[in-house]
PDB file of all heavy atoms in Angstrom:
ATOM      1  N   ALA A   1       0.827  -1.207   0.000  1.00  0.00           N
ATOM      2  CA  ALA A   1       0.000   0.000   0.000  1.00  0.00           C
ATOM      3  C   ALA A   1       0.860   1.256   0.000  1.00  0.00           C
ATOM      4  O   ALA A   1       0.464   2.285  -0.534  1.00  0.00           O
ATOM      5  CB  ALA A   1      -0.931  -0.006   1.201  1.00  0.00           C
ATOM      6  N   ALA A   2       2.042   1.195   0.575  1.00  0.00           N
ATOM      7  CA  ALA A   2       2.925   2.355   0.596  1.00  0.00           C
ATOM      8  C   ALA A   2       3.533   2.609  -0.782  1.00  0.00           C
ATOM      9  O   ALA A   2       3.800   3.748  -1.144  1.00  0.00           O
ATOM     10  CB  ALA A   2       4.030   2.152   1.628  1.00  0.00           C
ATOM     11  N   GLU A   3       3.756   1.539  -1.544  1.00  0.00           N
ATOM     12  CA  GLU A   3       4.365   1.686  -2.860  1.00  0.00           C
ATOM     13  C   GLU A   3       3.405   2.290  -3.880  1.00  0.00           C
ATOM     14  O   GLU A   3       3.803   3.096  -4.700  1.00  0.00           O
ATOM     15  CB  GLU A   3       4.844   0.323  -3.358  1.00  0.00           C
ATOM     16  CG  GLU A   3       5.929  -0.268  -2.487  1.00  0.00           C
ATOM     17  CD  GLU A   3       6.226  -1.705  -2.857  1.00  0.00           C
ATOM     18  OE1 GLU A   3       5.732  -2.167  -3.906  1.00  0.00           O
ATOM     19  OE2 GLU A   3       6.943  -2.367  -2.103  1.00  0.00           O
ATOM     20  N   LEU A   4       2.139   1.885  -3.853  1.00  0.00           N
ATOM     21  CA  LEU A   4       1.160   2.359  -4.818  1.00  0.00           C
ATOM     22  C   LEU A   4      -0.051   2.935  -4.093  1.00  0.00           C
ATOM     23  O   LEU A   4      -1.068   2.271  -3.956  1.00  0.00           O
ATOM     24  CB  LEU A   4       0.707   1.215  -5.736  1.00  0.00           C
ATOM     25  CG  LEU A   4       1.788   0.586  -6.601  1.00  0.00           C
ATOM     26  CD1 LEU A   4       1.246  -0.641  -7.296  1.00  0.00           C
ATOM     27  CD2 LEU A   4       2.284   1.590  -7.613  1.00  0.00           C
ATOM     28  N   PRO A   5       0.041   4.163  -3.634  1.00  0.00           N
ATOM     29  CA  PRO A   5      -1.115   4.731  -2.950  1.00  0.00           C
ATOM     30  C   PRO A   5      -2.275   4.906  -3.928  1.00  0.00           C
ATOM     31  O   PRO A   5      -2.098   5.326  -5.063  1.00  0.00           O
ATOM     32  CB  PRO A   5      -0.619   6.074  -2.426  1.00  0.00           C
ATOM     33  CG  PRO A   5       0.562   6.399  -3.261  1.00  0.00           C
ATOM     34  CD  PRO A   5       1.146   5.095  -3.714  1.00  0.00           C
ATOM     35  N   GLY A   6      -3.462   4.541  -3.505  1.00  0.00           N
ATOM     36  CA  GLY A   6      -4.630   4.634  -4.361  1.00  0.00           C
ATOM     37  C   GLY A   6      -4.923   3.361  -5.124  1.00  0.00           C
ATOM     38  O   GLY A   6      -5.938   3.257  -5.779  1.00  0.00           O
ATOM     39  N   PHE A   7      -4.036   2.377  -5.046  1.00  0.00           N
ATOM     40  CA  PHE A   7      -4.228   1.119  -5.754  1.00  0.00           C
ATOM     41  C   PHE A   7      -4.405  -0.049  -4.789  1.00  0.00           C
ATOM     42  O   PHE A   7      -4.133  -1.182  -5.130  1.00  0.00           O
ATOM     43  CB  PHE A   7      -3.047   0.825  -6.684  1.00  0.00           C
ATOM     44  CG  PHE A   7      -3.020   1.729  -7.882  1.00  0.00           C
ATOM     45  CD1 PHE A   7      -2.207   2.840  -7.909  1.00  0.00           C
ATOM     46  CD2 PHE A   7      -3.828   1.456  -8.969  1.00  0.00           C
ATOM     47  CE1 PHE A   7      -2.186   3.667  -9.006  1.00  0.00           C
ATOM     48  CE2 PHE A   7      -3.817   2.282 -10.064  1.00  0.00           C
ATOM     49  CZ  PHE A   7      -2.988   3.397 -10.082  1.00  0.00           C
ATOM     50  N   ALA A   8      -4.845   0.229  -3.586  1.00  0.00           N
ATOM     51  CA  ALA A   8      -5.064  -0.836  -2.615  1.00  0.00           C
ATOM     52  C   ALA A   8      -6.298  -1.644  -3.022  1.00  0.00           C
ATOM     53  O   ALA A   8      -7.236  -1.127  -3.620  1.00  0.00           O
ATOM     54  CB  ALA A   8      -5.252  -0.251  -1.232  1.00  0.00           C
ATOM     55  N   VAL A   9      -6.297  -2.925  -2.711  1.00  0.00           N
ATOM     56  CA  VAL A   9      -7.405  -3.809  -3.058  1.00  0.00           C
ATOM     57  C   VAL A   9      -8.479  -3.683  -1.981  1.00  0.00           C
ATOM     58  O   VAL A   9      -8.193  -3.818  -0.795  1.00  0.00           O
ATOM     59  CB  VAL A   9      -6.925  -5.268  -3.160  1.00  0.00           C
ATOM     60  CG1 VAL A   9      -8.084  -6.203  -3.402  1.00  0.00           C
ATOM     61  CG2 VAL A   9      -5.893  -5.396  -4.256  1.00  0.00           C
ATOM     62  N   ASP A  10      -9.685  -3.416  -2.409  1.00  0.00           N
ATOM     63  CA  ASP A  10     -10.809  -3.327  -1.491  1.00  0.00           C
ATOM     64  C   ASP A  10     -11.475  -4.695  -1.425  1.00  0.00           C
ATOM     65  O   ASP A  10     -12.225  -5.084  -2.314  1.00  0.00           O
ATOM     66  CB  ASP A  10     -11.800  -2.259  -1.973  1.00  0.00           C
ATOM     67  CG  ASP A  10     -12.931  -2.049  -1.006  1.00  0.00           C
ATOM     68  OD1 ASP A  10     -12.850  -2.571   0.127  1.00  0.00           O
ATOM     69  OD2 ASP A  10     -13.897  -1.359  -1.364  1.00  0.00           O
ATOM     70  N   LYS A  11     -11.185  -5.441  -0.371  1.00  0.00           N
ATOM     71  CA  LYS A  11     -11.684  -6.813  -0.269  1.00  0.00           C
ATOM     72  C   LYS A  11     -13.189  -6.854  -0.067  1.00  0.00           C
ATOM     73  O   LYS A  11     -13.834  -7.818  -0.443  1.00  0.00           O
ATOM     74  CB  LYS A  11     -10.958  -7.539   0.847  1.00  0.00           C
ATOM     75  CG  LYS A  11      -9.495  -7.727   0.536  1.00  0.00           C
ATOM     76  CD  LYS A  11      -8.746  -8.396   1.653  1.00  0.00           C
ATOM     77  CE  LYS A  11      -7.281  -8.475   1.256  1.00  0.00           C
ATOM     78  NZ  LYS A  11      -6.444  -8.900   2.333  1.00  0.00           N
ATOM     79  N   THR A  12     -13.748  -5.812   0.501  1.00  0.00           N
ATOM     80  CA  THR A  12     -15.205  -5.808   0.675  1.00  0.00           C
ATOM     81  C   THR A  12     -15.902  -5.651  -0.668  1.00  0.00           C
ATOM     82  O   THR A  12     -16.992  -6.173  -0.858  1.00  0.00           O
ATOM     83  CB  THR A  12     -15.648  -4.684   1.622  1.00  0.00           C
ATOM     84  OG1 THR A  12     -15.196  -3.429   1.112  1.00  0.00           O
ATOM     85  CG2 THR A  12     -15.094  -4.902   3.016  1.00  0.00           C
ATOM     86  N   PHE A  13     -15.273  -4.942  -1.614  1.00  0.00           N
ATOM     87  CA  PHE A  13     -15.867  -4.804  -2.944  1.00  0.00           C
ATOM     88  C   PHE A  13     -15.911  -6.147  -3.658  1.00  0.00           C
ATOM     89  O   PHE A  13     -16.903  -6.507  -4.272  1.00  0.00           O
ATOM     90  CB  PHE A  13     -15.095  -3.790  -3.791  1.00  0.00           C
ATOM     91  CG  PHE A  13     -15.549  -3.741  -5.219  1.00  0.00           C
ATOM     92  CD1 PHE A  13     -16.753  -3.152  -5.558  1.00  0.00           C
ATOM     93  CD2 PHE A  13     -14.787  -4.306  -6.227  1.00  0.00           C
ATOM     94  CE1 PHE A  13     -17.186  -3.113  -6.870  1.00  0.00           C
ATOM     95  CE2 PHE A  13     -15.210  -4.272  -7.543  1.00  0.00           C
ATOM     96  CZ  PHE A  13     -16.417  -3.671  -7.860  1.00  0.00           C
ATOM     97  N   PHE A  14     -14.822  -6.904  -3.588  1.00  0.00           N
ATOM     98  CA  PHE A  14     -14.783  -8.182  -4.299  1.00  0.00           C
ATOM     99  C   PHE A  14     -15.706  -9.224  -3.686  1.00  0.00           C
ATOM    100  O   PHE A  14     -16.072 -10.181  -4.335  1.00  0.00           O
ATOM    101  CB  PHE A  14     -13.353  -8.714  -4.375  1.00  0.00           C
ATOM    102  CG  PHE A  14     -12.522  -7.956  -5.361  1.00  0.00           C
ATOM    103  CD1 PHE A  14     -11.403  -7.257  -4.961  1.00  0.00           C
ATOM    104  CD2 PHE A  14     -12.855  -7.940  -6.700  1.00  0.00           C
ATOM    105  CE1 PHE A  14     -10.644  -6.557  -5.874  1.00  0.00           C
ATOM    106  CE2 PHE A  14     -12.103  -7.241  -7.622  1.00  0.00           C
ATOM    107  CZ  PHE A  14     -10.994  -6.548  -7.197  1.00  0.00           C
ATOM    108  N   SER A  15     -16.081  -9.051  -2.430  1.00  0.00           N
ATOM    109  CA  SER A  15     -17.029  -9.984  -1.830  1.00  0.00           C
ATOM    110  C   SER A  15     -18.470  -9.513  -2.002  1.00  0.00           C
ATOM    111  O   SER A  15     -19.396 -10.257  -1.692  1.00  0.00           O
ATOM    112  CB  SER A  15     -16.715 -10.179  -0.348  1.00  0.00           C
ATOM    113  OG  SER A  15     -16.852  -8.952   0.338  1.00  0.00           O
ATOM    114  N   SER A  16     -18.673  -8.305  -2.529  1.00  0.00           N
ATOM    115  CA  SER A  16     -20.025  -7.817  -2.778  1.00  0.00           C
ATOM    116  C   SER A  16     -20.549  -8.366  -4.103  1.00  0.00           C
ATOM    117  O   SER A  16     -19.816  -8.978  -4.876  1.00  0.00           O
ATOM    118  CB  SER A  16     -20.038  -6.290  -2.819  1.00  0.00           C
ATOM    119  OG  SER A  16     -19.381  -5.824  -3.978  1.00  0.00           O
ATOM    120  N   LEU A  17     -21.818  -8.144  -4.373  1.00  0.00           N
ATOM    121  CA  LEU A  17     -22.427  -8.652  -5.605  1.00  0.00           C
ATOM    122  C   LEU A  17     -21.779  -8.045  -6.845  1.00  0.00           C
ATOM    123  O   LEU A  17     -21.475  -8.747  -7.810  1.00  0.00           O
ATOM    124  CB  LEU A  17     -23.927  -8.372  -5.605  1.00  0.00           C
ATOM    125  CG  LEU A  17     -24.693  -8.850  -6.829  1.00  0.00           C
ATOM    126  CD1 LEU A  17     -24.614 -10.362  -6.940  1.00  0.00           C
ATOM    127  CD2 LEU A  17     -26.139  -8.397  -6.772  1.00  0.00           C
ATOM    128  N   LYS A  18     -21.523  -6.739  -6.818  1.00  0.00           N
ATOM    129  CA  LYS A  18     -20.886  -6.091  -7.979  1.00  0.00           C
ATOM    130  C   LYS A  18     -19.477  -6.623  -8.214  1.00  0.00           C
ATOM    131  O   LYS A  18     -19.049  -6.817  -9.352  1.00  0.00           O
ATOM    132  CB  LYS A  18     -20.833  -4.582  -7.772  1.00  0.00           C
ATOM    133  CG  LYS A  18     -22.160  -3.900  -7.920  1.00  0.00           C
ATOM    134  CD  LYS A  18     -21.998  -2.403  -7.787  1.00  0.00           C
ATOM    135  CE  LYS A  18     -23.319  -1.696  -7.939  1.00  0.00           C
ATOM    136  NZ  LYS A  18     -23.177  -0.250  -7.842  1.00  0.00           N
ATOM    137  N   GLY A  19     -18.754  -6.882  -7.148  1.00  0.00           N
ATOM    138  CA  GLY A  19     -17.403  -7.424  -7.283  1.00  0.00           C
ATOM    139  C   GLY A  19     -17.398  -8.819  -7.860  1.00  0.00           C
ATOM    140  O   GLY A  19     -16.584  -9.155  -8.713  1.00  0.00           O
ATOM    141  N   ILE A  20     -18.337  -9.637  -7.395  1.00  0.00           N
ATOM    142  CA  ILE A  20     -18.438 -11.006  -7.918  1.00  0.00           C
ATOM    143  C   ILE A  20     -18.814 -10.983  -9.392  1.00  0.00           C
ATOM    144  O   ILE A  20     -18.262 -11.734 -10.201  1.00  0.00           O
ATOM    145  CB  ILE A  20     -19.445 -11.822  -7.090  1.00  0.00           C
ATOM    146  CG1 ILE A  20     -18.895 -12.024  -5.677  1.00  0.00           C
ATOM    147  CG2 ILE A  20     -19.753 -13.150  -7.748  1.00  0.00           C
ATOM    148  CD1 ILE A  20     -19.884 -12.598  -4.701  1.00  0.00           C
ATOM    149  N   LEU A  21     -19.733 -10.089  -9.762  1.00  0.00           N
ATOM    150  CA  LEU A  21     -20.106  -9.970 -11.179  1.00  0.00           C
ATOM    151  C   LEU A  21     -18.932  -9.488 -12.023  1.00  0.00           C
ATOM    152  O   LEU A  21     -18.729  -9.955 -13.145  1.00  0.00           O
ATOM    153  CB  LEU A  21     -21.294  -9.025 -11.334  1.00  0.00           C
ATOM    154  CG  LEU A  21     -22.629  -9.554 -10.822  1.00  0.00           C
ATOM    155  CD1 LEU A  21     -23.687  -8.464 -10.899  1.00  0.00           C
ATOM    156  CD2 LEU A  21     -23.063 -10.774 -11.604  1.00  0.00           C
ATOM    157  N   LEU A  22     -18.133  -8.564 -11.498  1.00  0.00           N
ATOM    158  CA  LEU A  22     -16.962  -8.088 -12.223  1.00  0.00           C
ATOM    159  C   LEU A  22     -15.953  -9.208 -12.432  1.00  0.00           C
ATOM    160  O   LEU A  22     -15.411  -9.375 -13.529  1.00  0.00           O
ATOM    161  CB  LEU A  22     -16.311  -6.923 -11.478  1.00  0.00           C
ATOM    162  CG  LEU A  22     -15.017  -6.389 -12.077  1.00  0.00           C
ATOM    163  CD1 LEU A  22     -15.291  -5.743 -13.431  1.00  0.00           C
ATOM    164  CD2 LEU A  22     -14.362  -5.405 -11.145  1.00  0.00           C
ATOM    165  N   GLU A  23     -15.695  -9.992 -11.387  1.00  0.00           N
ATOM    166  CA  GLU A  23     -14.763 -11.105 -11.509  1.00  0.00           C
ATOM    167  C   GLU A  23     -15.258 -12.121 -12.539  1.00  0.00           C
ATOM    168  O   GLU A  23     -14.481 -12.618 -13.359  1.00  0.00           O
ATOM    169  CB  GLU A  23     -14.584 -11.787 -10.162  1.00  0.00           C
ATOM    170  CG  GLU A  23     -13.883 -10.933  -9.131  1.00  0.00           C
ATOM    171  CD  GLU A  23     -13.930 -11.546  -7.746  1.00  0.00           C
ATOM    172  OE1 GLU A  23     -14.204 -12.759  -7.636  1.00  0.00           O
ATOM    173  OE2 GLU A  23     -13.682 -10.820  -6.786  1.00  0.00           O
ATOM    174  N   THR A  24     -16.553 -12.415 -12.511  1.00  0.00           N
ATOM    175  CA  THR A  24     -17.125 -13.366 -13.463  1.00  0.00           C
ATOM    176  C   THR A  24     -17.026 -12.839 -14.888  1.00  0.00           C
ATOM    177  O   THR A  24     -16.690 -13.573 -15.821  1.00  0.00           O
ATOM    178  CB  THR A  24     -18.597 -13.648 -13.109  1.00  0.00           C
ATOM    179  OG1 THR A  24     -18.656 -14.095 -11.756  1.00  0.00           O
ATOM    180  CG2 THR A  24     -19.190 -14.691 -14.021  1.00  0.00           C
ATOM    181  N   GLU A  25     -17.290 -11.539 -15.048  1.00  0.00           N
ATOM    182  CA  GLU A  25     -17.217 -10.937 -16.376  1.00  0.00           C
ATOM    183  C   GLU A  25     -15.793 -10.973 -16.920  1.00  0.00           C
ATOM    184  O   GLU A  25     -15.577 -11.255 -18.100  1.00  0.00           O
ATOM    185  CB  GLU A  25     -17.716  -9.495 -16.300  1.00  0.00           C
ATOM    186  CG  GLU A  25     -17.739  -8.782 -17.621  1.00  0.00           C
ATOM    187  CD  GLU A  25     -18.233  -7.348 -17.501  1.00  0.00           C
ATOM    188  OE1 GLU A  25     -18.729  -6.966 -16.439  1.00  0.00           O
ATOM    189  OE2 GLU A  25     -18.100  -6.626 -18.496  1.00  0.00           O
TER     190      GLU A  25
END
């Protein structure tokens, strides 16, 4: 996170419905 500020992975997004749909797409 210190190396790339603003590019941290939001784990709650990927576990949400929109995140799952994005991964599937």
